[in-house]
Amino acid sequence: MDLRKLFLLLTTGLVLTGCATDTTDAPEDTSSADVESVEEAEEITATIEIVIDGESLADLSKEVTVPEGTYLLDVMHEEYDVVDDGGFLSSIGGYEQDVAAERYWMYYTNDEMPSVGAAEYELEEGDQIEWRLEDSEF
């Protein structure tokens, strides 16, 4: 009789094991209630001001909202009519630099001249960018 009980237990165990649901390969439940929406990229806002002879050009100055990780030169191409020569802007909104007079477009972030060009400057939240057409100090 003990052998019968053992056989019955083994058979029941095998049947239950065979009927068990394996969830390791089962697809995930993707119902809208359970799935979070795709996380949007963080955005930042910066202000760009165009300055000639110490005066801001109100019609060209603007606030921009861009994805985090955006470079200043890319924003300038998207937001303005610009001409660049190897990453250096030579014209913004039709206002051209004057090489003969050594007047060039220079940019400042938060009243400081960055140590990298506009193609390498990654905008940060709240940046105050000024593009100034000014005499070269080189």
Protein backbone atom coordinates (compact mmCIF):
# COMPACT_ATOMS: atom_id res chain seq x y z
CA MET A 1 0.00 0.00 0.00
CA ASP A 2 2.85 2.37 0.69
CA LEU A 3 4.09 1.76 -2.80
CA ARG A 4 0.70 2.75 -4.20
CA LYS A 5 0.69 6.02 -2.25
CA LEU A 6 4.18 6.78 -3.48
CA PHE A 7 3.17 6.04 -7.08
CA LEU A 8 0.05 8.21 -6.71
CA LEU A 9 2.07 11.08 -5.28
CA LEU A 10 4.66 10.87 -8.05
CA THR A 11 2.00 10.73 -10.76
CA THR A 12 0.13 13.69 -9.28
CA GLY A 13 3.38 15.65 -9.03
CA LEU A 14 4.25 14.96 -12.66
CA VAL A 15 0.76 15.92 -13.85
CA LEU A 16 0.82 19.17 -11.88
CA THR A 17 4.31 20.01 -13.10
CA GLY A 18 3.31 19.37 -16.72
CA CYS A 19 0.26 21.63 -16.40
CA ALA A 20 2.08 24.49 -14.73
CA THR A 21 2.30 27.71 -16.70
CA ASP A 22 5.81 28.88 -17.50
CA THR A 23 5.77 32.70 -17.39
CA THR A 24 9.43 33.19 -18.27
CA ASP A 25 8.71 33.08 -22.01
CA ALA A 26 5.22 34.53 -21.86
CA PRO A 27 4.79 37.98 -23.45
CA GLU A 28 4.36 40.87 -21.07
CA ASP A 29 0.93 42.35 -20.58
CA THR A 30 1.05 45.53 -22.62
CA SER A 31 -2.40 46.83 -21.86
CA SER A 32 -2.52 50.61 -21.68
CA ALA A 33 -3.33 50.52 -17.99
CA ASP A 34 -0.09 48.72 -17.19
CA VAL A 35 2.35 50.40 -19.57
CA GLU A 36 3.82 53.79 -18.80
CA SER A 37 3.91 56.19 -21.72
CA VAL A 38 7.24 56.61 -23.44
CA GLU A 39 9.25 59.07 -21.41
CA GLU A 40 9.67 62.33 -23.27
CA ALA A 41 13.10 63.87 -23.60
CA GLU A 42 13.76 66.64 -21.12
CA GLU A 43 13.50 70.10 -22.62
CA ILE A 44 15.36 73.24 -21.67
CA THR A 45 14.63 76.90 -22.30
CA ALA A 46 17.24 79.50 -23.18
CA THR A 47 17.19 83.10 -24.38
CA ILE A 48 19.11 84.22 -27.46
CA GLU A 49 19.79 87.90 -27.96
CA ILE A 50 21.37 89.45 -31.05
CA VAL A 51 23.40 92.59 -30.27
CA ILE A 52 24.97 95.06 -32.71
CA ASP A 53 26.93 98.09 -31.51
CA GLY A 54 25.67 97.49 -27.98
CA GLU A 55 22.00 97.48 -28.97
CA SER A 56 19.78 94.43 -28.84
CA LEU A 57 17.80 93.69 -32.00
CA ALA A 58 14.37 92.96 -30.55
CA ASP A 59 13.05 91.42 -33.76
CA LEU A 60 15.82 88.79 -33.75
CA SER A 61 16.03 88.10 -30.01
CA LYS A 62 13.94 85.18 -28.76
CA GLU A 63 13.38 82.48 -26.20
CA VAL A 64 13.85 78.92 -27.44
CA THR A 65 12.81 75.58 -26.00
CA VAL A 66 14.89 72.65 -27.21
CA PRO A 67 15.64 69.06 -26.19
CA GLU A 68 18.32 68.67 -23.55
CA GLY A 69 21.68 68.03 -25.20
CA THR A 70 21.14 70.48 -28.08
CA TYR A 71 24.15 72.44 -29.30
CA LEU A 72 24.01 76.20 -29.83
CA LEU A 73 25.09 76.11 -33.48
CA ASP A 74 22.25 73.69 -34.28
CA VAL A 75 19.75 76.04 -32.64
CA MET A 76 21.11 78.98 -34.62
CA HIS A 77 20.60 77.07 -37.88
CA GLU A 78 17.07 76.08 -36.87
CA GLU A 79 15.93 79.44 -35.53
CA TYR A 80 17.79 82.01 -37.67
CA ASP A 81 18.94 82.73 -41.18
CA VAL A 82 22.67 82.18 -40.61
CA VAL A 83 25.79 81.63 -42.63
CA ASP A 84 28.59 79.71 -41.01
CA ASP A 85 32.10 78.96 -42.10
CA GLY A 86 33.43 75.89 -40.33
CA GLY A 87 31.32 76.52 -37.23
CA PHE A 88 31.97 80.26 -37.08
CA LEU A 89 28.94 82.41 -37.86
CA SER A 90 29.64 85.09 -40.44
CA SER A 91 26.05 86.32 -40.79
CA ILE A 92 22.96 86.31 -38.55
CA GLY A 93 19.67 87.52 -39.95
CA GLY A 94 21.46 89.29 -42.80
CA TYR A 95 23.86 91.13 -40.50
CA GLU A 96 27.32 90.17 -41.70
CA GLN A 97 30.67 90.35 -39.99
CA ASP A 98 33.29 92.64 -41.52
CA VAL A 99 36.64 90.91 -41.79
CA ALA A 100 38.39 94.06 -43.13
CA ALA A 101 37.25 96.03 -40.07
CA GLU A 102 37.96 93.02 -37.82
CA ARG A 103 34.33 92.88 -36.62
CA TYR A 104 33.15 89.36 -35.94
CA TRP A 105 30.19 87.56 -34.43
CA MET A 106 31.12 86.42 -30.92
CA TYR A 107 28.83 84.70 -28.47
CA TYR A 108 28.57 84.91 -24.72
CA THR A 109 26.73 82.70 -22.28
CA ASN A 110 25.49 84.33 -19.13
CA ASP A 111 27.84 87.32 -19.79
CA GLU A 112 30.93 85.13 -20.17
CA MET A 113 32.78 84.04 -23.28
CA PRO A 114 32.79 80.23 -23.36
CA SER A 115 35.95 78.28 -24.04
CA VAL A 116 34.33 76.24 -26.84
CA GLY A 117 32.76 77.14 -30.16
CA ALA A 118 29.01 77.22 -30.74
CA ALA A 119 29.15 73.78 -32.38
CA GLU A 120 30.42 72.32 -29.09
CA TYR A 121 28.40 74.38 -26.62
CA GLU A 122 25.53 72.36 -25.17
CA LEU A 123 22.72 74.65 -24.04
CA GLU A 124 21.69 74.49 -20.41
CA GLU A 125 18.42 75.45 -18.72
CA GLY A 126 18.11 79.21 -18.33
CA ASP A 127 21.13 80.13 -20.47
CA GLN A 128 21.26 83.74 -21.60
CA ILE A 129 23.03 83.69 -24.96
CA GLU A 130 24.21 86.92 -26.57
CA TRP A 131 25.56 87.04 -30.10
CA ARG A 132 27.51 90.29 -30.41
CA LEU A 133 28.88 91.77 -33.61
CA GLU A 134 32.00 93.36 -32.18
CA ASP A 135 35.57 94.38 -32.85
CA SER A 136 38.08 91.61 -32.45
CA GLU A 137 40.38 91.84 -29.45
CA PHE A 138 42.91 89.39 -30.86
